[in-house]
């Protein structure tokens, strides 16, 4: 079995995600980057965009309004200014967040 990445994502409103996953793609300020288990340590500012969480053939998507990503060999923590599940029930809030991000 391949090694897995410990991933946590939090926003000021709530703890959005905490699990071991295969890979996470992050919208960094200098471009998107993927994080696997045992990644080299780094930090990145997040730009508004989509965080892709891939695990066992399924992909979960979150829209983040900005924030920080902290990568260590032990895992990835995203501290998001605002984050919403793309496939969640609150489509109006998601549309409002995307519209606000585009207006910045």
N, C-alpha and C. Protein backbone atom coordinates (compact mmCIF):
# COMPACT_ATOMS: atom_id res chain seq x y z
N UNK A 1 0.84 -1.19 0.00
CA UNK A 1 0.00 0.00 0.00
C UNK A 1 0.88 1.25 0.00
N UNK A 2 0.53 2.22 -0.82
CA UNK A 2 1.32 3.44 -0.90
C UNK A 2 1.08 4.32 0.33
N UNK A 3 2.03 5.22 0.57
CA UNK A 3 1.89 6.11 1.71
C UNK A 3 0.80 7.14 1.43
N UNK A 4 0.18 7.60 2.52
CA UNK A 4 -0.93 8.53 2.39
C UNK A 4 -0.57 9.86 3.05
N UNK A 5 -1.23 10.89 2.60
CA UNK A 5 -1.00 12.25 3.07
C UNK A 5 -2.06 12.60 4.11
N UNK A 6 -1.63 13.10 5.25
CA UNK A 6 -2.56 13.62 6.25
C UNK A 6 -2.91 15.04 5.85
N UNK A 7 -4.21 15.30 5.64
CA UNK A 7 -4.67 16.60 5.15
C UNK A 7 -5.73 17.17 6.07
N UNK A 8 -5.52 18.42 6.46
CA UNK A 8 -6.50 19.17 7.27
C UNK A 8 -6.76 20.50 6.59
N UNK A 9 -8.03 20.92 6.57
CA UNK A 9 -8.38 22.23 6.04
C UNK A 9 -9.36 22.88 7.00
N UNK A 10 -9.02 24.11 7.42
CA UNK A 10 -9.86 24.85 8.35
C UNK A 10 -10.07 26.26 7.82
N UNK A 11 -11.19 26.84 8.22
CA UNK A 11 -11.49 28.24 7.95
C UNK A 11 -11.92 28.85 9.28
N UNK A 12 -12.07 30.16 9.35
CA UNK A 12 -12.54 30.75 10.60
C UNK A 12 -13.92 30.22 11.04
N UNK A 13 -14.73 29.79 10.07
CA UNK A 13 -16.07 29.32 10.39
C UNK A 13 -16.10 27.88 10.91
N UNK A 14 -15.22 27.00 10.34
CA UNK A 14 -15.32 25.59 10.72
C UNK A 14 -14.11 24.78 10.25
N UNK A 15 -14.04 23.58 10.77
CA UNK A 15 -13.04 22.59 10.35
C UNK A 15 -13.68 21.83 9.19
N UNK A 16 -13.14 22.00 7.98
CA UNK A 16 -13.79 21.49 6.78
C UNK A 16 -13.40 20.06 6.41
N UNK A 17 -12.16 19.69 6.69
CA UNK A 17 -11.70 18.38 6.21
C UNK A 17 -10.55 17.91 7.07
N UNK A 18 -10.56 16.62 7.40
CA UNK A 18 -9.44 16.01 8.12
C UNK A 18 -9.45 14.52 7.81
N UNK A 19 -8.44 14.07 7.05
CA UNK A 19 -8.36 12.66 6.68
C UNK A 19 -7.02 12.37 6.03
N UNK A 20 -6.73 11.10 5.87
CA UNK A 20 -5.59 10.69 5.07
C UNK A 20 -6.08 10.49 3.64
N UNK A 21 -5.35 11.08 2.68
CA UNK A 21 -5.76 11.06 1.27
C UNK A 21 -4.56 10.71 0.40
N UNK A 22 -4.82 10.54 -0.90
CA UNK A 22 -3.75 10.21 -1.85
C UNK A 22 -2.96 11.45 -2.28
N UNK A 23 -3.66 12.49 -2.72
CA UNK A 23 -3.00 13.71 -3.21
C UNK A 23 -3.95 14.89 -3.10
N UNK A 24 -3.39 16.08 -2.87
CA UNK A 24 -4.17 17.32 -2.83
C UNK A 24 -3.51 18.30 -3.80
N UNK A 25 -4.32 18.92 -4.67
CA UNK A 25 -3.84 19.96 -5.57
C UNK A 25 -4.31 21.30 -5.01
N UNK A 26 -3.36 22.23 -4.86
CA UNK A 26 -3.59 23.48 -4.14
C UNK A 26 -3.39 24.67 -5.09
N UNK A 27 -4.28 25.69 -5.02
CA UNK A 27 -4.11 26.89 -5.85
C UNK A 27 -3.15 27.89 -5.18
N UNK A 28 -1.86 27.71 -5.38
CA UNK A 28 -0.87 28.61 -4.80
C UNK A 28 -0.82 29.93 -5.54
N UNK A 29 -0.25 30.92 -4.89
CA UNK A 29 -0.17 32.26 -5.50
C UNK A 29 0.71 32.27 -6.75
N UNK A 30 1.63 31.32 -6.86
CA UNK A 30 2.51 31.23 -8.03
C UNK A 30 2.08 30.14 -9.01
N UNK A 31 0.93 29.54 -8.76
CA UNK A 31 0.42 28.46 -9.61
C UNK A 31 -0.01 27.27 -8.79
N UNK A 32 -0.75 26.38 -9.41
CA UNK A 32 -1.23 25.18 -8.71
C UNK A 32 -0.06 24.24 -8.44
N UNK A 33 -0.14 23.52 -7.30
CA UNK A 33 0.87 22.51 -7.00
C UNK A 33 0.21 21.33 -6.30
N UNK A 34 0.77 20.15 -6.54
CA UNK A 34 0.26 18.93 -5.94
C UNK A 34 1.10 18.53 -4.73
N UNK A 35 0.43 17.96 -3.73
CA UNK A 35 1.11 17.52 -2.52
C UNK A 35 0.81 16.04 -2.31
N UNK A 36 1.88 15.26 -2.19
CA UNK A 36 1.81 13.84 -1.88
C UNK A 36 2.45 13.62 -0.51
N UNK A 37 2.34 12.41 0.02
CA UNK A 37 3.00 12.06 1.28
C UNK A 37 4.50 12.30 1.15
N UNK A 38 5.14 12.71 2.23
CA UNK A 38 6.59 12.95 2.31
C UNK A 38 7.06 14.10 1.42
N UNK A 39 6.19 15.06 1.15
CA UNK A 39 6.56 16.24 0.36
C UNK A 39 7.59 17.07 1.13
N UNK A 40 8.45 17.74 0.42
CA UNK A 40 9.41 18.66 1.05
C UNK A 40 8.65 19.79 1.75
N UNK A 41 9.17 20.27 2.88
CA UNK A 41 8.49 21.35 3.60
C UNK A 41 8.43 22.63 2.75
N UNK A 42 7.31 23.31 2.84
CA UNK A 42 7.13 24.59 2.16
C UNK A 42 5.88 25.27 2.69
N UNK A 43 5.79 26.56 2.45
CA UNK A 43 4.57 27.31 2.74
C UNK A 43 4.20 28.08 1.49
N UNK A 44 2.91 28.31 1.31
CA UNK A 44 2.45 29.07 0.15
C UNK A 44 1.25 29.90 0.53
N UNK A 45 1.18 31.08 -0.04
CA UNK A 45 -0.03 31.88 0.02
C UNK A 45 -0.99 31.29 -1.01
N UNK A 46 -2.27 31.22 -0.66
CA UNK A 46 -3.27 30.70 -1.60
C UNK A 46 -3.95 31.85 -2.33
N UNK A 47 -4.21 31.63 -3.59
CA UNK A 47 -5.04 32.56 -4.37
C UNK A 47 -6.44 31.95 -4.42
N UNK A 48 -7.46 32.73 -4.74
CA UNK A 48 -8.78 32.13 -4.90
C UNK A 48 -8.73 31.05 -5.98
N UNK A 49 -9.31 29.90 -5.68
CA UNK A 49 -9.30 28.79 -6.63
C UNK A 49 -9.84 27.52 -6.01
N UNK A 50 -9.61 26.42 -6.68
CA UNK A 50 -10.15 25.12 -6.29
C UNK A 50 -9.07 24.24 -5.68
N UNK A 51 -9.36 23.70 -4.50
CA UNK A 51 -8.53 22.67 -3.87
C UNK A 51 -9.13 21.34 -4.29
N UNK A 52 -8.33 20.48 -4.91
CA UNK A 52 -8.78 19.14 -5.33
C UNK A 52 -8.21 18.12 -4.36
N UNK A 53 -9.09 17.34 -3.74
CA UNK A 53 -8.68 16.29 -2.80
C UNK A 53 -8.99 14.96 -3.47
N UNK A 54 -7.94 14.19 -3.79
CA UNK A 54 -8.12 12.91 -4.47
C UNK A 54 -7.83 11.77 -3.50
N UNK A 55 -8.77 10.83 -3.45
CA UNK A 55 -8.61 9.70 -2.55
C UNK A 55 -9.37 8.49 -3.09
N UNK A 56 -8.64 7.45 -3.38
CA UNK A 56 -9.26 6.20 -3.81
C UNK A 56 -10.13 6.33 -5.03
N UNK A 57 -9.74 7.16 -5.98
CA UNK A 57 -10.52 7.30 -7.21
C UNK A 57 -11.63 8.33 -7.14
N UNK A 58 -11.86 8.94 -5.99
CA UNK A 58 -12.87 9.99 -5.88
C UNK A 58 -12.17 11.34 -5.68
N UNK A 59 -12.80 12.38 -6.19
CA UNK A 59 -12.26 13.73 -6.06
C UNK A 59 -13.29 14.62 -5.39
N UNK A 60 -12.85 15.32 -4.35
CA UNK A 60 -13.68 16.29 -3.65
C UNK A 60 -13.09 17.67 -3.93
N UNK A 61 -13.95 18.64 -4.23
CA UNK A 61 -13.49 19.97 -4.60
C UNK A 61 -14.00 21.01 -3.61
N UNK A 62 -13.09 21.92 -3.25
CA UNK A 62 -13.43 23.05 -2.38
C UNK A 62 -12.98 24.33 -3.06
N UNK A 63 -13.82 25.35 -3.01
CA UNK A 63 -13.42 26.68 -3.46
C UNK A 63 -12.86 27.42 -2.26
N UNK A 64 -11.62 27.92 -2.39
CA UNK A 64 -11.03 28.71 -1.31
C UNK A 64 -10.88 30.15 -1.78
N UNK A 65 -11.10 31.06 -0.84
CA UNK A 65 -11.03 32.48 -1.14
C UNK A 65 -9.62 33.03 -0.96
N UNK A 66 -8.73 32.25 -0.41
CA UNK A 66 -7.37 32.67 -0.11
C UNK A 66 -6.95 32.03 1.20
N UNK A 67 -5.74 32.30 1.63
CA UNK A 67 -5.25 31.75 2.88
C UNK A 67 -3.81 31.29 2.74
N UNK A 68 -3.47 30.23 3.50
CA UNK A 68 -2.11 29.71 3.52
C UNK A 68 -2.12 28.19 3.48
N UNK A 69 -1.10 27.61 2.87
CA UNK A 69 -0.89 26.16 2.88
C UNK A 69 0.45 25.90 3.55
N UNK A 70 0.46 25.00 4.53
CA UNK A 70 1.67 24.61 5.25
C UNK A 70 1.92 23.13 4.94
N UNK A 71 2.99 22.86 4.21
CA UNK A 71 3.33 21.49 3.81
C UNK A 71 4.53 21.03 4.64
N UNK A 72 4.41 19.85 5.23
CA UNK A 72 5.50 19.20 5.94
C UNK A 72 5.59 17.76 5.44
N UNK A 73 6.66 17.05 5.74
CA UNK A 73 6.71 15.64 5.36
C UNK A 73 5.57 14.83 5.99
N UNK A 74 5.02 15.33 7.10
CA UNK A 74 3.93 14.63 7.79
C UNK A 74 2.55 14.94 7.23
N UNK A 75 2.41 16.03 6.47
CA UNK A 75 1.08 16.33 5.95
C UNK A 75 0.94 17.74 5.42
N UNK A 76 -0.31 18.11 5.16
CA UNK A 76 -0.67 19.41 4.60
C UNK A 76 -1.78 20.00 5.44
N UNK A 77 -1.61 21.26 5.82
CA UNK A 77 -2.67 22.00 6.51
C UNK A 77 -2.97 23.24 5.69
N UNK A 78 -4.24 23.43 5.37
CA UNK A 78 -4.68 24.64 4.69
C UNK A 78 -5.48 25.47 5.68
N UNK A 79 -5.06 26.73 5.83
CA UNK A 79 -5.79 27.71 6.62
C UNK A 79 -6.44 28.66 5.62
N UNK A 80 -7.72 28.46 5.36
CA UNK A 80 -8.41 29.20 4.31
C UNK A 80 -9.17 30.39 4.90
N UNK A 81 -9.12 31.52 4.21
CA UNK A 81 -9.92 32.67 4.62
C UNK A 81 -11.40 32.31 4.57
N UNK A 82 -11.78 31.63 3.50
CA UNK A 82 -13.14 31.12 3.32
C UNK A 82 -13.03 29.90 2.43
N UNK A 83 -13.80 28.86 2.74
CA UNK A 83 -13.80 27.66 1.91
C UNK A 83 -15.19 27.07 1.87
N UNK A 84 -15.59 26.64 0.69
CA UNK A 84 -16.91 26.04 0.49
C UNK A 84 -16.77 24.81 -0.39
N UNK A 85 -17.52 23.76 -0.07
CA UNK A 85 -17.53 22.56 -0.89
C UNK A 85 -18.21 22.89 -2.22
N UNK A 86 -17.54 22.60 -3.32
CA UNK A 86 -18.10 22.89 -4.64
C UNK A 86 -19.36 22.08 -4.88
N UNK A 87 -19.37 20.85 -4.42
CA UNK A 87 -20.53 19.98 -4.64
C UNK A 87 -21.49 20.00 -3.46
N UNK A 88 -21.40 21.02 -2.60
CA UNK A 88 -22.27 21.12 -1.43
C UNK A 88 -23.65 21.64 -1.78
N UNK A 89 -24.45 21.79 -0.74
CA UNK A 89 -25.84 22.20 -0.92
C UNK A 89 -26.03 23.71 -1.11
N UNK A 90 -25.08 24.51 -0.62
CA UNK A 90 -25.26 25.96 -0.63
C UNK A 90 -24.67 26.58 -1.90
N UNK A 91 -25.35 26.38 -3.01
CA UNK A 91 -24.87 26.89 -4.30
C UNK A 91 -24.88 28.42 -4.35
N UNK A 92 -25.82 29.06 -3.64
CA UNK A 92 -25.87 30.52 -3.64
C UNK A 92 -24.63 31.10 -2.96
N UNK A 93 -24.23 30.53 -1.83
CA UNK A 93 -23.03 31.00 -1.12
C UNK A 93 -21.79 30.78 -1.98
N UNK A 94 -21.74 29.66 -2.67
CA UNK A 94 -20.61 29.37 -3.55
C UNK A 94 -20.54 30.39 -4.68
N UNK A 95 -21.67 30.68 -5.31
CA UNK A 95 -21.70 31.66 -6.39
C UNK A 95 -21.29 33.04 -5.89
N UNK A 96 -21.77 33.42 -4.70
CA UNK A 96 -21.40 34.71 -4.12
C UNK A 96 -19.89 34.79 -3.88
N UNK A 97 -19.29 33.71 -3.37
CA UNK A 97 -17.85 33.68 -3.10
C UNK A 97 -17.04 33.79 -4.39
N UNK A 98 -17.47 33.10 -5.42
CA UNK A 98 -16.77 33.17 -6.71
C UNK A 98 -16.89 34.58 -7.30
N UNK A 99 -18.07 35.16 -7.23
CA UNK A 99 -18.27 36.52 -7.74
C UNK A 99 -17.40 37.51 -6.99
N UNK A 100 -17.32 37.37 -5.67
CA UNK A 100 -16.48 38.26 -4.86
C UNK A 100 -15.01 38.10 -5.22
N UNK A 101 -14.57 36.87 -5.42
CA UNK A 101 -13.16 36.63 -5.77
C UNK A 101 -12.83 37.24 -7.13
N UNK A 102 -13.74 37.17 -8.06
CA UNK A 102 -13.50 37.74 -9.40
C UNK A 102 -13.45 39.26 -9.37
N UNK A 103 -14.15 39.87 -8.41
CA UNK A 103 -14.19 41.33 -8.35
C UNK A 103 -12.96 41.93 -7.68
N UNK A 104 -12.12 41.10 -7.06
CA UNK A 104 -10.92 41.60 -6.37
C UNK A 104 -9.84 41.98 -7.34
